[in-house]
Amino acid sequence: MSRLDRVLVSDKWWKDCGAVSLWGLKRDVSDHCPLIVRYDGFDWGPKPFRFNNHWLNNKDFSKLVEREWSSFQVDGRMSFVLKEKLKMLKGVLRKWNREVYGSVDSKIDALSGDIEDLDLKDEREGLSEEELLLRKDKFNQLWLLLKSKDSLEFQKSRSRWLKKGDANTGFFHACV
């Protein structure tokens, strides 16, 4: 970071914000670093729940939802029962998502490494029937994780597009 890369704040701002950190990002061709002032002291509230479409491709998902939904015991009006059951299901789905899809990239890397190890062993000495089945199972797991990751990224990109729109709309309409 250059001595010219600075952030200016007032004393009042510094006193009001308190828990602030400064991050210097990597510079590319410029002789200056982009700086980020990060304020960690604000409570944004609970993270909103998002349904991930790729959950529907998981063979255990519908069984989990049916089992958990029927296990919830709530009394009251139908609208209250529905709201409470959805709230409880949200917690179950968040936990399930963390267990099944949490740290997808590291799971993909681990499975790829395991498959590569089995491939190398296959080239050296061949694989037993059990190892062939294990390799096939790891390929299936890897395939499902990659499809889930792609589906999630596609879903996120679509929501961003719906929020922000197409950046080239003005250019397109000017040309037509």
C-alpha atoms as a PDB file:
ATOM      1  CA  MET A   1       0.000   0.000   0.000  1.00  0.00           C
ATOM      2  CA  SER A   2       1.363   3.393  -0.977  1.00  0.00           C
ATOM      3  CA  ARG A   3       1.570   6.312   1.397  1.00  0.00           C
ATOM      4  CA  LEU A   4      -0.938   8.017  -0.892  1.00  0.00           C
ATOM      5  CA  ASP A   5      -3.582   5.365  -0.315  1.00  0.00           C
ATOM      6  CA  ARG A   6      -5.609   6.833   2.514  1.00  0.00           C
ATOM      7  CA  VAL A   7      -9.107   7.131   3.895  1.00  0.00           C
ATOM      8  CA  LEU A   8     -10.352  10.330   5.481  1.00  0.00           C
ATOM      9  CA  VAL A   9     -13.018  10.359   8.183  1.00  0.00           C
ATOM     10  CA  SER A  10     -14.199  12.969  10.653  1.00  0.00           C
ATOM     11  CA  ASP A  11     -13.808  12.633  14.414  1.00  0.00           C
ATOM     12  CA  LYS A  12     -17.583  12.467  14.817  1.00  0.00           C
ATOM     13  CA  TRP A  13     -17.855   9.639  12.286  1.00  0.00           C
ATOM     14  CA  TRP A  14     -15.035   7.746  14.000  1.00  0.00           C
ATOM     15  CA  LYS A  15     -16.720   8.084  17.412  1.00  0.00           C
ATOM     16  CA  ASP A  16     -20.145   7.079  16.063  1.00  0.00           C
ATOM     17  CA  CYS A  17     -18.939   4.031  14.142  1.00  0.00           C
ATOM     18  CA  GLY A  18     -16.275   2.621  16.412  1.00  0.00           C
ATOM     19  CA  ALA A  19     -15.882  -0.942  15.077  1.00  0.00           C
ATOM     20  CA  VAL A  20     -14.348  -0.099  11.707  1.00  0.00           C
ATOM     21  CA  SER A  21     -11.611  -1.908   9.828  1.00  0.00           C
ATOM     22  CA  LEU A  22      -9.666  -0.897   6.737  1.00  0.00           C
ATOM     23  CA  TRP A  23      -8.804  -3.406   4.045  1.00  0.00           C
ATOM     24  CA  GLY A  24      -6.258  -2.820   1.311  1.00  0.00           C
ATOM     25  CA  LEU A  25      -6.951  -4.939  -1.762  1.00  0.00           C
ATOM     26  CA  LYS A  26      -4.368  -6.145  -4.273  1.00  0.00           C
ATOM     27  CA  ARG A  27      -3.411  -3.704  -6.950  1.00  0.00           C
ATOM     28  CA  ASP A  28      -3.074  -4.726 -10.557  1.00  0.00           C
ATOM     29  CA  VAL A  29      -1.461  -2.266 -12.937  1.00  0.00           C
ATOM     30  CA  SER A  30      -2.144   0.867 -10.916  1.00  0.00           C
ATOM     31  CA  ASP A  31       0.253   2.149  -8.307  1.00  0.00           C
ATOM     32  CA  HIS A  32      -2.664   2.521  -5.863  1.00  0.00           C
ATOM     33  CA  CYS A  33      -4.581  -0.046  -3.855  1.00  0.00           C
ATOM     34  CA  PRO A  34      -8.373  -0.068  -3.639  1.00  0.00           C
ATOM     35  CA  LEU A  35      -9.359   0.465  -0.023  1.00  0.00           C
ATOM     36  CA  ILE A  36     -12.445  -0.861   1.708  1.00  0.00           C
ATOM     37  CA  VAL A  37     -13.749   0.597   4.935  1.00  0.00           C
ATOM     38  CA  ARG A  38     -15.709  -2.127   6.647  1.00  0.00           C
ATOM     39  CA  TYR A  39     -18.111  -1.496   9.474  1.00  0.00           C
ATOM     40  CA  ASP A  40     -18.803  -4.635  11.493  1.00  0.00           C
ATOM     41  CA  GLY A  41     -20.916  -3.142  14.250  1.00  0.00           C
ATOM     42  CA  PHE A  42     -24.261  -2.980  12.450  1.00  0.00           C
ATOM     43  CA  ASP A  43     -26.813  -5.695  13.047  1.00  0.00           C
ATOM     44  CA  TRP A  44     -28.544  -6.367   9.742  1.00  0.00           C
ATOM     45  CA  GLY A  45     -31.032  -8.706  11.380  1.00  0.00           C
ATOM     46  CA  PRO A  46     -31.586 -12.355  10.594  1.00  0.00           C
ATOM     47  CA  LYS A  47     -30.397 -13.681   7.272  1.00  0.00           C
ATOM     48  CA  PRO A  48     -33.389 -14.164   4.953  1.00  0.00           C
ATOM     49  CA  PHE A  49     -34.344 -17.717   4.081  1.00  0.00           C
ATOM     50  CA  ARG A  50     -33.923 -18.669   0.441  1.00  0.00           C
ATOM     51  CA  PHE A  51     -35.242 -21.861  -1.085  1.00  0.00           C
ATOM     52  CA  ASN A  52     -32.618 -23.422  -3.329  1.00  0.00           C
ATOM     53  CA  ASN A  53     -34.084 -25.135  -6.382  1.00  0.00           C
ATOM     54  CA  HIS A  54     -31.320 -27.740  -6.477  1.00  0.00           C
ATOM     55  CA  TRP A  55     -32.666 -29.215  -3.235  1.00  0.00           C
ATOM     56  CA  LEU A  56     -35.446 -30.749  -5.328  1.00  0.00           C
ATOM     57  CA  ASN A  57     -32.852 -32.901  -7.118  1.00  0.00           C
ATOM     58  CA  ASN A  58     -31.700 -34.482  -3.860  1.00  0.00           C
ATOM     59  CA  LYS A  59     -33.379 -37.844  -3.324  1.00  0.00           C
ATOM     60  CA  ASP A  60     -33.592 -37.310   0.453  1.00  0.00           C
ATOM     61  CA  PHE A  61     -35.190 -33.858   0.298  1.00  0.00           C
ATOM     62  CA  SER A  62     -38.861 -34.777  -0.133  1.00  0.00           C
ATOM     63  CA  LYS A  63     -38.611 -37.550   2.478  1.00  0.00           C
ATOM     64  CA  LEU A  64     -37.045 -35.099   4.924  1.00  0.00           C
ATOM     65  CA  VAL A  65     -39.755 -32.489   4.347  1.00  0.00           C
ATOM     66  CA  GLU A  66     -42.572 -35.039   4.682  1.00  0.00           C
ATOM     67  CA  ARG A  67     -41.094 -36.577   7.834  1.00  0.00           C
ATOM     68  CA  GLU A  68     -40.412 -33.248   9.527  1.00  0.00           C
ATOM     69  CA  TRP A  69     -43.712 -31.658   8.466  1.00  0.00           C
ATOM     70  CA  SER A  70     -45.731 -34.513   9.936  1.00  0.00           C
ATOM     71  CA  SER A  71     -43.686 -34.472  13.156  1.00  0.00           C
ATOM     72  CA  PHE A  72     -44.506 -30.811  13.920  1.00  0.00           C
ATOM     73  CA  GLN A  73     -47.391 -30.531  16.384  1.00  0.00           C
ATOM     74  CA  VAL A  74     -49.006 -27.093  16.348  1.00  0.00           C
ATOM     75  CA  ASP A  75     -52.497 -26.139  17.521  1.00  0.00           C
ATOM     76  CA  GLY A  76     -54.525 -23.142  16.446  1.00  0.00           C
ATOM     77  CA  ARG A  77     -56.035 -21.633  13.352  1.00  0.00           C
ATOM     78  CA  MET A  78     -54.951 -23.095  10.034  1.00  0.00           C
ATOM     79  CA  SER A  79     -53.057 -19.940   9.048  1.00  0.00           C
ATOM     80  CA  PHE A  80     -51.195 -19.965  12.383  1.00  0.00           C
ATOM     81  CA  VAL A  81     -50.411 -23.678  12.046  1.00  0.00           C
ATOM     82  CA  LEU A  82     -49.086 -23.143   8.517  1.00  0.00           C
ATOM     83  CA  LYS A  83     -46.917 -20.195   9.587  1.00  0.00           C
ATOM     84  CA  GLU A  84     -45.454 -22.056  12.550  1.00  0.00           C
ATOM     85  CA  LYS A  85     -44.784 -25.229  10.583  1.00  0.00           C
ATOM     86  CA  LEU A  86     -43.054 -23.231   7.840  1.00  0.00           C
ATOM     87  CA  LYS A  87     -40.945 -21.477  10.468  1.00  0.00           C
ATOM     88  CA  MET A  88     -39.906 -24.805  11.996  1.00  0.00           C
ATOM     89  CA  LEU A  89     -39.253 -26.317   8.564  1.00  0.00           C
ATOM     90  CA  LYS A  90     -37.025 -23.365   7.710  1.00  0.00           C
ATOM     91  CA  GLY A  91     -34.730 -24.216  10.621  1.00  0.00           C
ATOM     92  CA  VAL A  92     -34.611 -27.874   9.646  1.00  0.00           C
ATOM     93  CA  LEU A  93     -33.818 -27.030   6.007  1.00  0.00           C
ATOM     94  CA  ARG A  94     -31.057 -24.606   6.982  1.00  0.00           C
ATOM     95  CA  LYS A  95     -29.416 -27.259   9.136  1.00  0.00           C
ATOM     96  CA  TRP A  96     -29.846 -29.924   6.437  1.00  0.00           C
ATOM     97  CA  ASN A  97     -28.392 -27.591   3.797  1.00  0.00           C
ATOM     98  CA  ARG A  98     -25.309 -26.943   5.949  1.00  0.00           C
ATOM     99  CA  GLU A  99     -24.819 -30.677   6.515  1.00  0.00           C
ATOM    100  CA  VAL A 100     -25.369 -31.774   2.914  1.00  0.00           C
ATOM    101  CA  TYR A 101     -24.185 -28.795   0.852  1.00  0.00           C
ATOM    102  CA  GLY A 102     -22.025 -26.867   3.312  1.00  0.00           C
ATOM    103  CA  SER A 103     -18.525 -26.153   1.990  1.00  0.00           C
ATOM    104  CA  VAL A 104     -19.374 -27.585  -1.434  1.00  0.00           C
ATOM    105  CA  ASP A 105     -16.054 -26.504  -2.918  1.00  0.00           C
ATOM    106  CA  SER A 106     -14.023 -28.415  -0.341  1.00  0.00           C
ATOM    107  CA  LYS A 107     -16.236 -31.488  -0.828  1.00  0.00           C
ATOM    108  CA  ILE A 108     -15.732 -31.240  -4.599  1.00  0.00           C
ATOM    109  CA  ASP A 109     -11.967 -30.946  -4.116  1.00  0.00           C
ATOM    110  CA  ALA A 110     -11.914 -33.917  -1.737  1.00  0.00           C
ATOM    111  CA  LEU A 111     -13.967 -36.099  -4.085  1.00  0.00           C
ATOM    112  CA  SER A 112     -11.815 -35.094  -7.066  1.00  0.00           C
ATOM    113  CA  GLY A 113      -8.700 -35.995  -5.095  1.00  0.00           C
ATOM    114  CA  ASP A 114     -10.150 -39.362  -4.082  1.00  0.00           C
ATOM    115  CA  ILE A 115     -11.105 -40.132  -7.686  1.00  0.00           C
ATOM    116  CA  GLU A 116      -7.652 -39.111  -8.886  1.00  0.00           C
ATOM    117  CA  ASP A 117      -6.035 -41.394  -6.292  1.00  0.00           C
ATOM    118  CA  LEU A 118      -8.209 -44.293  -7.427  1.00  0.00           C
ATOM    119  CA  ASP A 119      -7.372 -43.549 -11.078  1.00  0.00           C
ATOM    120  CA  LEU A 120      -3.643 -43.599 -10.315  1.00  0.00           C
ATOM    121  CA  LYS A 121      -4.007 -46.859  -8.425  1.00  0.00           C
ATOM    122  CA  ASP A 122      -5.988 -48.270 -11.358  1.00  0.00           C
ATOM    123  CA  GLU A 123      -3.143 -47.390 -13.734  1.00  0.00           C
ATOM    124  CA  ARG A 124      -0.512 -48.929 -11.453  1.00  0.00           C
ATOM    125  CA  GLU A 125      -2.120 -52.146 -10.302  1.00  0.00           C
ATOM    126  CA  GLY A 126      -5.801 -52.171 -11.177  1.00  0.00           C
ATOM    127  CA  LEU A 127      -8.808 -51.841  -8.897  1.00  0.00           C
ATOM    128  CA  SER A 128     -10.805 -54.477  -7.080  1.00  0.00           C
ATOM    129  CA  GLU A 129     -14.573 -54.755  -7.564  1.00  0.00           C
ATOM    130  CA  GLU A 130     -15.088 -52.928  -4.284  1.00  0.00           C
ATOM    131  CA  GLU A 131     -12.793 -50.089  -5.355  1.00  0.00           C
ATOM    132  CA  LEU A 132     -14.527 -49.836  -8.732  1.00  0.00           C
ATOM    133  CA  LEU A 133     -17.870 -49.460  -6.963  1.00  0.00           C
ATOM    134  CA  LEU A 134     -16.345 -46.888  -4.617  1.00  0.00           C
ATOM    135  CA  ARG A 135     -14.981 -44.926  -7.594  1.00  0.00           C
ATOM    136  CA  LYS A 136     -18.372 -45.026  -9.305  1.00  0.00           C
ATOM    137  CA  ASP A 137     -20.076 -43.835  -6.116  1.00  0.00           C
ATOM    138  CA  LYS A 138     -17.597 -40.970  -5.756  1.00  0.00           C
ATOM    139  CA  PHE A 139     -18.221 -39.964  -9.380  1.00  0.00           C
ATOM    140  CA  ASN A 140     -21.963 -39.903  -8.701  1.00  0.00           C
ATOM    141  CA  GLN A 141     -21.470 -37.787  -5.584  1.00  0.00           C
ATOM    142  CA  LEU A 142     -19.183 -35.427  -7.492  1.00  0.00           C
ATOM    143  CA  TRP A 143     -21.672 -35.141 -10.342  1.00  0.00           C
ATOM    144  CA  LEU A 144     -24.508 -34.290  -7.942  1.00  0.00           C
ATOM    145  CA  LEU A 145     -22.431 -31.680  -6.127  1.00  0.00           C
ATOM    146  CA  LEU A 146     -21.338 -30.054  -9.390  1.00  0.00           C
ATOM    147  CA  LYS A 147     -24.926 -29.956 -10.658  1.00  0.00           C
ATOM    148  CA  SER A 148     -26.088 -28.482  -7.348  1.00  0.00           C
ATOM    149  CA  LYS A 149     -23.370 -25.836  -7.421  1.00  0.00           C
ATOM    150  CA  ASP A 150     -24.251 -24.891 -11.008  1.00  0.00           C
ATOM    151  CA  SER A 151     -27.946 -24.731 -10.183  1.00  0.00           C
ATOM    152  CA  LEU A 152     -27.328 -22.524  -7.155  1.00  0.00           C
ATOM    153  CA  GLU A 153     -25.080 -20.167  -9.112  1.00  0.00           C
ATOM    154  CA  PHE A 154     -27.645 -19.981 -11.910  1.00  0.00           C
ATOM    155  CA  GLN A 155     -30.409 -19.212  -9.405  1.00  0.00           C
ATOM    156  CA  LYS A 156     -28.302 -16.474  -7.798  1.00  0.00           C
ATOM    157  CA  SER A 157     -27.431 -14.958 -11.163  1.00  0.00           C
ATOM    158  CA  ARG A 158     -31.103 -14.869 -12.184  1.00  0.00           C
ATOM    159  CA  SER A 159     -32.101 -13.094  -8.980  1.00  0.00           C
ATOM    160  CA  ARG A 160     -29.330 -10.531  -9.507  1.00  0.00           C
ATOM    161  CA  TRP A 161     -30.503  -9.981 -13.075  1.00  0.00           C
ATOM    162  CA  LEU A 162     -34.095  -9.498 -11.914  1.00  0.00           C
ATOM    163  CA  LYS A 163     -32.989  -6.994  -9.274  1.00  0.00           C
ATOM    164  CA  LYS A 164     -30.562  -4.961 -11.341  1.00  0.00           C
ATOM    165  CA  GLY A 165     -31.792  -5.601 -14.862  1.00  0.00           C
ATOM    166  CA  ASP A 166     -29.762  -5.899 -18.003  1.00  0.00           C
ATOM    167  CA  ALA A 167     -26.936  -3.382 -18.049  1.00  0.00           C
ATOM    168  CA  ASN A 168     -27.059  -3.045 -21.843  1.00  0.00           C
ATOM    169  CA  THR A 169     -30.768  -2.250 -22.173  1.00  0.00           C
ATOM    170  CA  GLY A 170     -30.203   1.425 -23.008  1.00  0.00           C
ATOM    171  CA  PHE A 171     -27.586   0.560 -25.600  1.00  0.00           C
ATOM    172  CA  PHE A 172     -29.832  -2.109 -27.128  1.00  0.00           C
ATOM    173  CA  HIS A 173     -32.841   0.209 -27.431  1.00  0.00           C
ATOM    174  CA  ALA A 174     -30.690   2.974 -28.916  1.00  0.00           C
ATOM    175  CA  CYS A 175     -29.560   0.586 -31.665  1.00  0.00           C
ATOM    176  CA  VAL A 176     -33.020  -0.749 -32.533  1.00  0.00           C
END
